[in-house]
Amino acid sequence: MTTTWAGGTSQSEHDARIRRAERLSAQHSFASDFLNFYKHIAAFQKTLRASITAAAGTKSSNISVAELRVPLDLSVLLPHFRGFLSTIEQRAPAALGKAAHQLSLLPSDSWIASLESYWQHGGKYDQQVGAFAQFLPRAFLQPYAESRAALLPQAPMVVTVRVCPLCGARPLLGVLRVEGDSGKRFLLCSFCSQEWEFRRIHCPTCGEQAEGKLPVYVAEQLPHIRVEACDTCRVYLKSIDMTKNGDVDGKFPASLDELKFPHESLICPDDKEPYQYDPNTGQVRCVHPGHENY
């Protein structure tokens, strides 16, 4: 099992996201309104992920997990959608809140069409729809996509694949993680939030490999945030350099005990062995046979 230090369970992952948003909000006042809005999104997603997990536990174990984008389980999702739209309407900036309100007035058939369209095409053809029409189903379905991805074995390591090996979506961000004396580059999926390794000197859009045509721009005030551009295709990708900023203060916890998670979330559910943790990279691994690629 491999994940970041944010936790071994969906609940702790969302709690870590909320805590990080709170810390960033305190540190960067210019972004506090956006980060406070995100906290409400993450809190809703935490609740929805718990409902998805609970529903999965009551269904047949024969459900296929061979593919991520299987048909949506609307019996689980749809009862939560009105509450999601209400959260957006109350907490979002005015224009997005208005869009959520307008969608809330439509019949459920329109909701289903919006969700199913995004589930099929999200991360692939987002540029063909408006920003709000993309954001609403995306933010709602993110916990569902993450829960589906968690059921799939990790894709084989292919360091130049330009779309997510699990769902075929384009990357949202790049991430540099500590590896030896330097950093290893990963891409973060815009749809299912999974990461895959990618070459450092390689454009994920057009495949350009000439270092001189791949400039990187960094603001002095935020040295861990990079804009990785390509002069050939004139596309850029924002990246987070975790070698300079593992957390807000640039450090990972010294041990998992610092996170104060429940004991059962820090051990393998099969053999009860504790997860192995590397404080230099923030990675948690399970040594149970068969769990190495989770």
C-alpha atoms as a PDB file:
ATOM      1  CA  MET A   1       0.000   0.000   0.000  1.00  0.00           C
ATOM      2  CA  THR A   2       1.371   3.417  -0.960  1.00  0.00           C
ATOM      3  CA  THR A   3      -0.143   6.758  -0.103  1.00  0.00           C
ATOM      4  CA  THR A   4       0.925  10.108   1.272  1.00  0.00           C
ATOM      5  CA  TRP A   5       1.046  10.841   4.971  1.00  0.00           C
ATOM      6  CA  ALA A   6      -2.494  12.273   4.793  1.00  0.00           C
ATOM      7  CA  GLY A   7      -3.741   8.958   6.098  1.00  0.00           C
ATOM      8  CA  GLY A   8      -4.729   5.367   5.553  1.00  0.00           C
ATOM      9  CA  THR A   9      -8.496   5.909   5.489  1.00  0.00           C
ATOM     10  CA  SER A  10     -10.785   8.137   3.462  1.00  0.00           C
ATOM     11  CA  GLN A  11     -11.896   9.921   6.633  1.00  0.00           C
ATOM     12  CA  SER A  12      -8.354  10.828   7.665  1.00  0.00           C
ATOM     13  CA  GLU A  13      -7.494  11.884   4.114  1.00  0.00           C
ATOM     14  CA  HIS A  14     -10.318  14.404   4.092  1.00  0.00           C
ATOM     15  CA  ASP A  15      -9.498  15.561   7.623  1.00  0.00           C
ATOM     16  CA  ALA A  16      -5.919  16.205   6.495  1.00  0.00           C
ATOM     17  CA  ARG A  17      -7.150  18.213   3.502  1.00  0.00           C
ATOM     18  CA  ILE A  18      -9.317  20.347   5.780  1.00  0.00           C
ATOM     19  CA  ARG A  19      -6.471  20.933   8.238  1.00  0.00           C
ATOM     20  CA  ARG A  20      -4.114  21.889   5.426  1.00  0.00           C
ATOM     21  CA  ALA A  21      -6.657  24.363   4.048  1.00  0.00           C
ATOM     22  CA  GLU A  22      -6.943  25.901   7.520  1.00  0.00           C
ATOM     23  CA  ARG A  23      -3.168  26.248   7.837  1.00  0.00           C
ATOM     24  CA  LEU A  24      -2.789  27.716   4.365  1.00  0.00           C
ATOM     25  CA  SER A  25      -5.638  30.127   5.018  1.00  0.00           C
ATOM     26  CA  ALA A  26      -3.917  31.383   8.151  1.00  0.00           C
ATOM     27  CA  GLN A  27      -0.623  31.756   6.304  1.00  0.00           C
ATOM     28  CA  HIS A  28      -1.917  33.282   3.045  1.00  0.00           C
ATOM     29  CA  SER A  29      -4.699  35.756   3.762  1.00  0.00           C
ATOM     30  CA  PHE A  30      -5.095  36.622   0.065  1.00  0.00           C
ATOM     31  CA  ALA A  31      -6.424  33.088  -0.540  1.00  0.00           C
ATOM     32  CA  SER A  32      -8.479  32.706   2.638  1.00  0.00           C
ATOM     33  CA  ASP A  33     -11.899  33.108   0.988  1.00  0.00           C
ATOM     34  CA  PHE A  34     -11.161  30.385  -1.544  1.00  0.00           C
ATOM     35  CA  LEU A  35      -9.629  28.077   1.075  1.00  0.00           C
ATOM     36  CA  ASN A  36     -12.557  28.539   3.447  1.00  0.00           C
ATOM     37  CA  PHE A  37     -14.905  27.618   0.609  1.00  0.00           C
ATOM     38  CA  TYR A  38     -12.779  24.541  -0.101  1.00  0.00           C
ATOM     39  CA  LYS A  39     -13.063  23.460   3.556  1.00  0.00           C
ATOM     40  CA  HIS A  40     -16.836  23.185   3.139  1.00  0.00           C
ATOM     41  CA  ILE A  41     -16.387  21.202  -0.075  1.00  0.00           C
ATOM     42  CA  ALA A  42     -13.947  18.822   1.627  1.00  0.00           C
ATOM     43  CA  ALA A  43     -16.291  18.390   4.607  1.00  0.00           C
ATOM     44  CA  PHE A  44     -19.143  17.448   2.280  1.00  0.00           C
ATOM     45  CA  GLN A  45     -16.893  15.080   0.338  1.00  0.00           C
ATOM     46  CA  LYS A  46     -15.846  13.415   3.585  1.00  0.00           C
ATOM     47  CA  THR A  47     -19.478  12.694   4.444  1.00  0.00           C
ATOM     48  CA  LEU A  48     -20.255  11.460   0.950  1.00  0.00           C
ATOM     49  CA  ARG A  49     -17.204   9.186   0.889  1.00  0.00           C
ATOM     50  CA  ALA A  50     -18.359   7.621   4.170  1.00  0.00           C
ATOM     51  CA  SER A  51     -21.790   6.957   2.644  1.00  0.00           C
ATOM     52  CA  ILE A  52     -20.208   5.433  -0.464  1.00  0.00           C
ATOM     53  CA  THR A  53     -18.021   3.181   1.678  1.00  0.00           C
ATOM     54  CA  ALA A  54     -20.960   2.106   3.840  1.00  0.00           C
ATOM     55  CA  ALA A  55     -23.086   1.324   0.776  1.00  0.00           C
ATOM     56  CA  ALA A  56     -20.272  -0.684  -0.813  1.00  0.00           C
ATOM     57  CA  GLY A  57     -20.088  -2.838   2.306  1.00  0.00           C
ATOM     58  CA  THR A  58     -23.707  -3.892   1.900  1.00  0.00           C
ATOM     59  CA  LYS A  59     -23.451  -4.838  -1.768  1.00  0.00           C
ATOM     60  CA  SER A  60     -22.273  -8.052  -3.380  1.00  0.00           C
ATOM     61  CA  SER A  61     -18.524  -8.666  -3.336  1.00  0.00           C
ATOM     62  CA  ASN A  62     -18.880  -9.812  -6.951  1.00  0.00           C
ATOM     63  CA  ILE A  63     -19.155  -6.230  -8.224  1.00  0.00           C
ATOM     64  CA  SER A  64     -16.528  -5.740 -10.924  1.00  0.00           C
ATOM     65  CA  VAL A  65     -13.573  -3.503 -10.128  1.00  0.00           C
ATOM     66  CA  ALA A  66     -11.809  -4.095 -13.426  1.00  0.00           C
ATOM     67  CA  GLU A  67     -12.529  -0.568 -14.657  1.00  0.00           C
ATOM     68  CA  LEU A  68     -12.902   2.770 -12.921  1.00  0.00           C
ATOM     69  CA  ARG A  69     -15.616   4.332 -15.079  1.00  0.00           C
ATOM     70  CA  VAL A  70     -18.305   1.704 -14.645  1.00  0.00           C
ATOM     71  CA  PRO A  71     -21.901   3.059 -14.570  1.00  0.00           C
ATOM     72  CA  LEU A  72     -22.642   5.310 -11.594  1.00  0.00           C
ATOM     73  CA  ASP A  73     -24.519   3.892  -8.635  1.00  0.00           C
ATOM     74  CA  LEU A  74     -27.191   6.587  -8.622  1.00  0.00           C
ATOM     75  CA  SER A  75     -29.052   4.968  -5.732  1.00  0.00           C
ATOM     76  CA  VAL A  76     -26.097   5.956  -3.525  1.00  0.00           C
ATOM     77  CA  LEU A  77     -25.231   9.290  -5.109  1.00  0.00           C
ATOM     78  CA  LEU A  78     -28.471  10.992  -6.055  1.00  0.00           C
ATOM     79  CA  PRO A  79     -29.901  11.382  -2.504  1.00  0.00           C
ATOM     80  CA  HIS A  80     -26.865  13.557  -1.650  1.00  0.00           C
ATOM     81  CA  PHE A  81     -26.893  15.812  -4.696  1.00  0.00           C
ATOM     82  CA  ARG A  82     -29.440  18.373  -3.483  1.00  0.00           C
ATOM     83  CA  GLY A  83     -27.482  18.797  -0.246  1.00  0.00           C
ATOM     84  CA  PHE A  84     -24.315  19.318  -2.270  1.00  0.00           C
ATOM     85  CA  LEU A  85     -25.956  22.012  -4.393  1.00  0.00           C
ATOM     86  CA  SER A  86     -27.226  23.694  -1.234  1.00  0.00           C
ATOM     87  CA  THR A  87     -23.696  23.730   0.194  1.00  0.00           C
ATOM     88  CA  ILE A  88     -22.362  25.335  -2.991  1.00  0.00           C
ATOM     89  CA  GLU A  89     -25.187  27.858  -3.104  1.00  0.00           C
ATOM     90  CA  GLN A  90     -24.531  28.942   0.493  1.00  0.00           C
ATOM     91  CA  ARG A  91     -20.722  28.883   0.529  1.00  0.00           C
ATOM     92  CA  ALA A  92     -19.454  29.528  -3.001  1.00  0.00           C
ATOM     93  CA  PRO A  93     -18.671  32.840  -4.689  1.00  0.00           C
ATOM     94  CA  ALA A  94     -21.826  34.478  -6.015  1.00  0.00           C
ATOM     95  CA  ALA A  95     -21.613  33.350  -9.649  1.00  0.00           C
ATOM     96  CA  LEU A  96     -20.962  29.701  -8.771  1.00  0.00           C
ATOM     97  CA  GLY A  97     -23.640  29.800  -6.075  1.00  0.00           C
ATOM     98  CA  LYS A  98     -26.134  31.079  -8.647  1.00  0.00           C
ATOM     99  CA  ALA A  99     -25.218  28.251 -11.021  1.00  0.00           C
ATOM    100  CA  ALA A 100     -25.802  25.707  -8.239  1.00  0.00           C
ATOM    101  CA  HIS A 101     -29.172  27.276  -7.440  1.00  0.00           C
ATOM    102  CA  GLN A 102     -30.235  27.134 -11.096  1.00  0.00           C
ATOM    103  CA  LEU A 103     -29.249  23.465 -11.306  1.00  0.00           C
ATOM    104  CA  SER A 104     -31.166  22.719  -8.092  1.00  0.00           C
ATOM    105  CA  LEU A 105     -34.371  23.918  -9.796  1.00  0.00           C
ATOM    106  CA  LEU A 106     -34.054  21.409 -12.632  1.00  0.00           C
ATOM    107  CA  PRO A 107     -35.675  17.948 -12.533  1.00  0.00           C
ATOM    108  CA  SER A 108     -33.659  14.962 -11.374  1.00  0.00           C
ATOM    109  CA  ASP A 109     -33.338  13.742 -14.963  1.00  0.00           C
ATOM    110  CA  SER A 110     -31.176  16.793 -15.669  1.00  0.00           C
ATOM    111  CA  TRP A 111     -29.037  16.038 -12.616  1.00  0.00           C
ATOM    112  CA  ILE A 112     -28.515  12.492 -13.797  1.00  0.00           C
ATOM    113  CA  ALA A 113     -27.607  13.639 -17.300  1.00  0.00           C
ATOM    114  CA  SER A 114     -25.032  16.099 -15.907  1.00  0.00           C
ATOM    115  CA  LEU A 115     -23.453  13.529 -13.586  1.00  0.00           C
ATOM    116  CA  GLU A 116     -23.360  10.739 -16.155  1.00  0.00           C
ATOM    117  CA  SER A 117     -21.908  13.017 -18.830  1.00  0.00           C
ATOM    118  CA  TYR A 118     -19.108  14.133 -16.523  1.00  0.00           C
ATOM    119  CA  TRP A 119     -18.469  10.574 -15.350  1.00  0.00           C
ATOM    120  CA  GLN A 120     -18.006   9.482 -18.944  1.00  0.00           C
ATOM    121  CA  HIS A 121     -16.040  12.453 -20.287  1.00  0.00           C
ATOM    122  CA  GLY A 122     -14.556  14.252 -17.264  1.00  0.00           C
ATOM    123  CA  GLY A 123     -10.827  14.889 -17.451  1.00  0.00           C
ATOM    124  CA  LYS A 124     -10.853  14.161 -21.180  1.00  0.00           C
ATOM    125  CA  TYR A 125     -13.023  16.783 -22.850  1.00  0.00           C
ATOM    126  CA  ASP A 126     -13.502  19.370 -20.102  1.00  0.00           C
ATOM    127  CA  GLN A 127     -12.581  22.222 -22.422  1.00  0.00           C
ATOM    128  CA  GLN A 128     -15.849  21.664 -24.314  1.00  0.00           C
ATOM    129  CA  VAL A 129     -18.071  22.691 -21.372  1.00  0.00           C
ATOM    130  CA  GLY A 130     -18.305  25.785 -19.202  1.00  0.00           C
ATOM    131  CA  ALA A 131     -16.358  26.121 -15.962  1.00  0.00           C
ATOM    132  CA  PHE A 132     -19.414  25.849 -13.687  1.00  0.00           C
ATOM    133  CA  ALA A 133     -20.928  22.979 -15.677  1.00  0.00           C
ATOM    134  CA  GLN A 134     -17.617  21.180 -15.150  1.00  0.00           C
ATOM    135  CA  PHE A 135     -17.035  22.116 -11.512  1.00  0.00           C
ATOM    136  CA  LEU A 136     -20.368  21.029 -10.033  1.00  0.00           C
ATOM    137  CA  PRO A 137     -20.362  17.362 -11.140  1.00  0.00           C
ATOM    138  CA  ARG A 138     -16.608  17.162 -10.679  1.00  0.00           C
ATOM    139  CA  ALA A 139     -16.616  18.294  -7.047  1.00  0.00           C
ATOM    140  CA  PHE A 140     -19.584  16.046  -6.293  1.00  0.00           C
ATOM    141  CA  LEU A 141     -18.206  12.924  -7.972  1.00  0.00           C
ATOM    142  CA  GLN A 142     -14.602  13.262  -6.775  1.00  0.00           C
ATOM    143  CA  PRO A 143     -15.155  11.034  -3.678  1.00  0.00           C
ATOM    144  CA  TYR A 144     -16.818   8.417  -5.880  1.00  0.00           C
ATOM    145  CA  ALA A 145     -13.950   8.447  -8.376  1.00  0.00           C
ATOM    146  CA  GLU A 146     -11.413   8.199  -5.535  1.00  0.00           C
ATOM    147  CA  SER A 147     -13.293   5.282  -3.981  1.00  0.00           C
ATOM    148  CA  ARG A 148     -13.350   3.472  -7.319  1.00  0.00           C
ATOM    149  CA  ALA A 149      -9.636   4.107  -7.844  1.00  0.00           C
ATOM    150  CA  ALA A 150      -8.878   2.691  -4.398  1.00  0.00           C
ATOM    151  CA  LEU A 151     -10.362  -0.645  -5.493  1.00  0.00           C
ATOM    152  CA  LEU A 152      -8.074  -0.965  -8.504  1.00  0.00           C
ATOM    153  CA  PRO A 153      -4.508  -2.287  -8.441  1.00  0.00           C
ATOM    154  CA  GLN A 154      -1.863   0.318  -9.136  1.00  0.00           C
ATOM    155  CA  ALA A 155      -1.186   0.666 -12.851  1.00  0.00           C
ATOM    156  CA  PRO A 156       2.149  -0.622 -14.200  1.00  0.00           C
ATOM    157  CA  MET A 157       4.863   2.038 -14.044  1.00  0.00           C
ATOM    158  CA  VAL A 158       4.947   3.777 -17.411  1.00  0.00           C
ATOM    159  CA  VAL A 159       6.815   7.022 -16.976  1.00  0.00           C
ATOM    160  CA  THR A 160       5.795   8.755 -20.212  1.00  0.00           C
ATOM    161  CA  VAL A 161       2.058   8.024 -20.392  1.00  0.00           C
ATOM    162  CA  ARG A 162       0.363  11.405 -20.714  1.00  0.00           C
ATOM    163  CA  VAL A 163      -3.039  10.477 -19.306  1.00  0.00           C
ATOM    164  CA  CYS A 164      -4.016   8.648 -16.122  1.00  0.00           C
ATOM    165  CA  PRO A 165      -3.379   4.897 -16.497  1.00  0.00           C
ATOM    166  CA  LEU A 166      -6.515   4.157 -14.436  1.00  0.00           C
ATOM    167  CA  CYS A 167      -9.162   6.380 -16.016  1.00  0.00           C
ATOM    168  CA  GLY A 168      -7.627   8.075 -19.056  1.00  0.00           C
ATOM    169  CA  ALA A 169      -8.017  11.641 -17.752  1.00  0.00           C
ATOM    170  CA  ARG A 170      -5.472  14.410 -18.221  1.00  0.00           C
ATOM    171  CA  PRO A 171      -3.272  15.549 -15.320  1.00  0.00           C
ATOM    172  CA  LEU A 172      -4.424  18.369 -13.076  1.00  0.00           C
ATOM    173  CA  LEU A 173      -1.080  19.055 -11.417  1.00  0.00           C
ATOM    174  CA  GLY A 174       2.496  17.900 -11.318  1.00  0.00           C
ATOM    175  CA  VAL A 175       4.120  16.873  -8.026  1.00  0.00           C
ATOM    176  CA  LEU A 176       7.817  16.622  -7.196  1.00  0.00           C
ATOM    177  CA  ARG A 177       8.475  14.195  -4.320  1.00  0.00           C
ATOM    178  CA  VAL A 178      11.721  13.533  -2.497  1.00  0.00           C
ATOM    179  CA  GLU A 179      13.772  10.769  -4.121  1.00  0.00           C
ATOM    180  CA  GLY A 180      17.375  10.376  -3.003  1.00  0.00           C
ATOM    181  CA  ASP A 181      19.191  13.683  -3.351  1.00  0.00           C
ATOM    182  CA  SER A 182      16.654  15.197  -5.742  1.00  0.00           C
ATOM    183  CA  GLY A 183      12.992  14.815  -6.639  1.00  0.00           C
ATOM    184  CA  LYS A 184      10.880  12.395  -8.653  1.00  0.00           C
ATOM    185  CA  ARG A 185       8.077  13.799 -10.765  1.00  0.00           C
ATOM    186  CA  PHE A 186       4.502  12.551 -10.627  1.00  0.00           C
ATOM    187  CA  LEU A 187       1.319  13.698 -12.333  1.00  0.00           C
ATOM    188  CA  LEU A 188      -1.939  14.015 -10.390  1.00  0.00           C
ATOM    189  CA  CYS A 189      -5.084  12.880 -12.202  1.00  0.00           C
ATOM    190  CA  SER A 190      -7.774  15.533 -12.701  1.00  0.00           C
ATOM    191  CA  PHE A 191     -10.525  12.909 -12.389  1.00  0.00           C
ATOM    192  CA  CYS A 192      -9.669  10.187  -9.852  1.00  0.00           C
ATOM    193  CA  SER A 193      -6.885  11.987  -7.901  1.00  0.00           C
ATOM    194  CA  GLN A 194      -4.369   9.170  -8.385  1.00  0.00           C
ATOM    195  CA  GLU A 195      -0.700   9.802  -9.202  1.00  0.00           C
ATOM    196  CA  TRP A 196       1.603   8.224 -11.745  1.00  0.00           C
ATOM    197  CA  GLU A 197       5.314   8.682 -12.304  1.00  0.00           C
ATOM    198  CA  PHE A 198       6.448  10.871 -15.189  1.00  0.00           C
ATOM    199  CA  ARG A 199       9.832  11.914 -16.566  1.00  0.00           C
ATOM    200  CA  ARG A 200      11.202  15.220 -15.291  1.00  0.00           C
ATOM    201  CA  ILE A 201      12.241  16.636 -18.689  1.00  0.00           C
ATOM    202  CA  HIS A 202       9.186  15.791 -20.757  1.00  0.00           C
ATOM    203  CA  CYS A 203       6.081  17.796 -21.715  1.00  0.00           C
ATOM    204  CA  PRO A 204       2.940  15.854 -20.702  1.00  0.00           C
ATOM    205  CA  THR A 205       0.949  17.533 -23.475  1.00  0.00           C
ATOM    206  CA  CYS A 206       3.058  17.220 -26.643  1.00  0.00           C
ATOM    207  CA  GLY A 207       6.014  15.065 -25.569  1.00  0.00           C
ATOM    208  CA  GLU A 208       8.695  17.745 -26.058  1.00  0.00           C
ATOM    209  CA  GLN A 209      11.979  16.623 -24.422  1.00  0.00           C
ATOM    210  CA  ALA A 210      14.378  19.475 -25.216  1.00  0.00           C
ATOM    211  CA  GLU A 211      15.210  21.053 -21.865  1.00  0.00           C
ATOM    212  CA  GLY A 212      15.676  24.479 -23.434  1.00  0.00           C
ATOM    213  CA  LYS A 213      12.057  24.447 -24.607  1.00  0.00           C
ATOM    214  CA  LEU A 214      10.642  23.513 -21.192  1.00  0.00           C
ATOM    215  CA  PRO A 215      11.016  26.615 -18.984  1.00  0.00           C
ATOM    216  CA  VAL A 216       9.960  26.566 -15.340  1.00  0.00           C
ATOM    217  CA  TYR A 217       8.634  29.687 -13.611  1.00  0.00           C
ATOM    218  CA  VAL A 218       8.671  30.121  -9.830  1.00  0.00           C
ATOM    219  CA  ALA A 219       7.495  33.085  -7.746  1.00  0.00           C
ATOM    220  CA  GLU A 220       9.929  34.133  -5.035  1.00  0.00           C
ATOM    221  CA  GLN A 221       7.139  34.355  -2.457  1.00  0.00           C
ATOM    222  CA  LEU A 222       5.940  30.799  -3.136  1.00  0.00           C
ATOM    223  CA  PRO A 223       9.041  28.795  -4.133  1.00  0.00           C
ATOM    224  CA  HIS A 224       7.282  25.423  -3.879  1.00  0.00           C
ATOM    225  CA  ILE A 225       4.742  26.332  -6.590  1.00  0.00           C
ATOM    226  CA  ARG A 226       6.055  25.893 -10.129  1.00  0.00           C
ATOM    227  CA  VAL A 227       4.627  26.674 -13.555  1.00  0.00           C
ATOM    228  CA  GLU A 228       6.123  24.148 -15.986  1.00  0.00           C
ATOM    229  CA  ALA A 229       5.685  25.487 -19.507  1.00  0.00           C
ATOM    230  CA  CYS A 230       6.374  24.184 -23.005  1.00  0.00           C
ATOM    231  CA  ASP A 231       7.468  26.539 -25.778  1.00  0.00           C
ATOM    232  CA  THR A 232       6.518  23.967 -28.406  1.00  0.00           C
ATOM    233  CA  CYS A 233       2.816  23.437 -27.651  1.00  0.00           C
ATOM    234  CA  ARG A 234       2.489  26.591 -25.507  1.00  0.00           C
ATOM    235  CA  VAL A 235       0.712  24.708 -22.709  1.00  0.00           C
ATOM    236  CA  TYR A 236       1.688  24.836 -19.046  1.00  0.00           C
ATOM    237  CA  LEU A 237       1.122  22.659 -15.990  1.00  0.00           C
ATOM    238  CA  LYS A 238       1.158  23.892 -12.416  1.00  0.00           C
ATOM    239  CA  SER A 239       3.257  21.761 -10.063  1.00  0.00           C
ATOM    240  CA  ILE A 240       3.922  21.495  -6.343  1.00  0.00           C
ATOM    241  CA  ASP A 241       7.525  20.910  -5.300  1.00  0.00           C
ATOM    242  CA  MET A 242       7.256  18.746  -2.183  1.00  0.00           C
ATOM    243  CA  THR A 243      11.049  18.681  -1.884  1.00  0.00           C
ATOM    244  CA  LYS A 244      10.735  22.309  -0.755  1.00  0.00           C
ATOM    245  CA  ASN A 245       7.355  22.159   0.941  1.00  0.00           C
ATOM    246  CA  GLY A 246       6.237  18.730   2.152  1.00  0.00           C
ATOM    247  CA  ASP A 247       3.631  20.463   4.276  1.00  0.00           C
ATOM    248  CA  VAL A 248       3.006  24.132   4.977  1.00  0.00           C
ATOM    249  CA  ASP A 249       6.211  24.337   6.994  1.00  0.00           C
ATOM    250  CA  GLY A 250       8.109  22.089   4.565  1.00  0.00           C
ATOM    251  CA  LYS A 251       8.166  19.067   6.886  1.00  0.00           C
ATOM    252  CA  PHE A 252       6.393  15.753   7.145  1.00  0.00           C
ATOM    253  CA  PRO A 253       5.457  14.349  10.551  1.00  0.00           C
ATOM    254  CA  ALA A 254       8.328  12.595  12.316  1.00  0.00           C
ATOM    255  CA  SER A 255       6.061   9.589  12.918  1.00  0.00           C
ATOM    256  CA  LEU A 256       2.495   8.501  12.265  1.00  0.00           C
ATOM    257  CA  ASP A 257       1.785   8.931  15.966  1.00  0.00           C
ATOM    258  CA  GLU A 258       1.941  12.700  15.464  1.00  0.00           C
ATOM    259  CA  LEU A 259      -1.180  12.515  13.314  1.00  0.00           C
ATOM    260  CA  LYS A 260      -3.236  11.170  16.245  1.00  0.00           C
ATOM    261  CA  PHE A 261      -5.240   8.888  13.967  1.00  0.00           C
ATOM    262  CA  PRO A 262      -7.149   5.911  15.429  1.00  0.00           C
ATOM    263  CA  HIS A 263      -4.845   2.924  15.907  1.00  0.00           C
ATOM    264  CA  GLU A 264      -6.858   0.774  13.488  1.00  0.00           C
ATOM    265  CA  SER A 265      -6.175   3.224  10.632  1.00  0.00           C
ATOM    266  CA  LEU A 266      -2.408   2.755  11.062  1.00  0.00           C
ATOM    267  CA  ILE A 267      -2.295  -1.033  10.741  1.00  0.00           C
ATOM    268  CA  CYS A 268      -3.010  -3.466   7.928  1.00  0.00           C
ATOM    269  CA  PRO A 269      -6.601  -4.738   8.267  1.00  0.00           C
ATOM    270  CA  ASP A 270      -5.500  -8.223   7.177  1.00  0.00           C
ATOM    271  CA  ASP A 271      -2.497  -9.110   9.355  1.00  0.00           C
ATOM    272  CA  LYS A 272      -2.612  -6.173  11.842  1.00  0.00           C
ATOM    273  CA  GLU A 273       1.004  -5.271  11.100  1.00  0.00           C
ATOM    274  CA  PRO A 274       1.727  -1.533  11.432  1.00  0.00           C
ATOM    275  CA  TYR A 275       2.266   0.420   8.247  1.00  0.00           C
ATOM    276  CA  GLN A 276       5.844   1.445   7.457  1.00  0.00           C
ATOM    277  CA  TYR A 277       6.370   5.189   7.301  1.00  0.00           C
ATOM    278  CA  ASP A 278       9.200   7.228   5.778  1.00  0.00           C
ATOM    279  CA  PRO A 279       9.336  10.718   7.364  1.00  0.00           C
ATOM    280  CA  ASN A 280      11.627  11.942   4.575  1.00  0.00           C
ATOM    281  CA  THR A 281       9.069  11.362   1.816  1.00  0.00           C
ATOM    282  CA  GLY A 282       5.776  11.219   3.731  1.00  0.00           C
ATOM    283  CA  GLN A 283       4.984   7.816   2.219  1.00  0.00           C
ATOM    284  CA  VAL A 284       3.170   5.021   4.037  1.00  0.00           C
ATOM    285  CA  ARG A 285       3.576   1.420   2.891  1.00  0.00           C
ATOM    286  CA  CYS A 286       1.959  -1.865   3.760  1.00  0.00           C
ATOM    287  CA  VAL A 287       4.300  -4.871   3.784  1.00  0.00           C
ATOM    288  CA  HIS A 288       1.535  -7.487   3.707  1.00  0.00           C
ATOM    289  CA  PRO A 289       2.062  -9.826   0.713  1.00  0.00           C
ATOM    290  CA  GLY A 290      -0.054  -8.632  -2.189  1.00  0.00           C
ATOM    291  CA  HIS A 291      -0.461  -5.093  -0.867  1.00  0.00           C
ATOM    292  CA  GLU A 292       2.777  -3.697  -2.282  1.00  0.00           C
ATOM    293  CA  ASN A 293       1.083  -1.999  -5.256  1.00  0.00           C
ATOM    294  CA  TYR A 294      -2.015  -0.683  -3.532  1.00  0.00           C
END
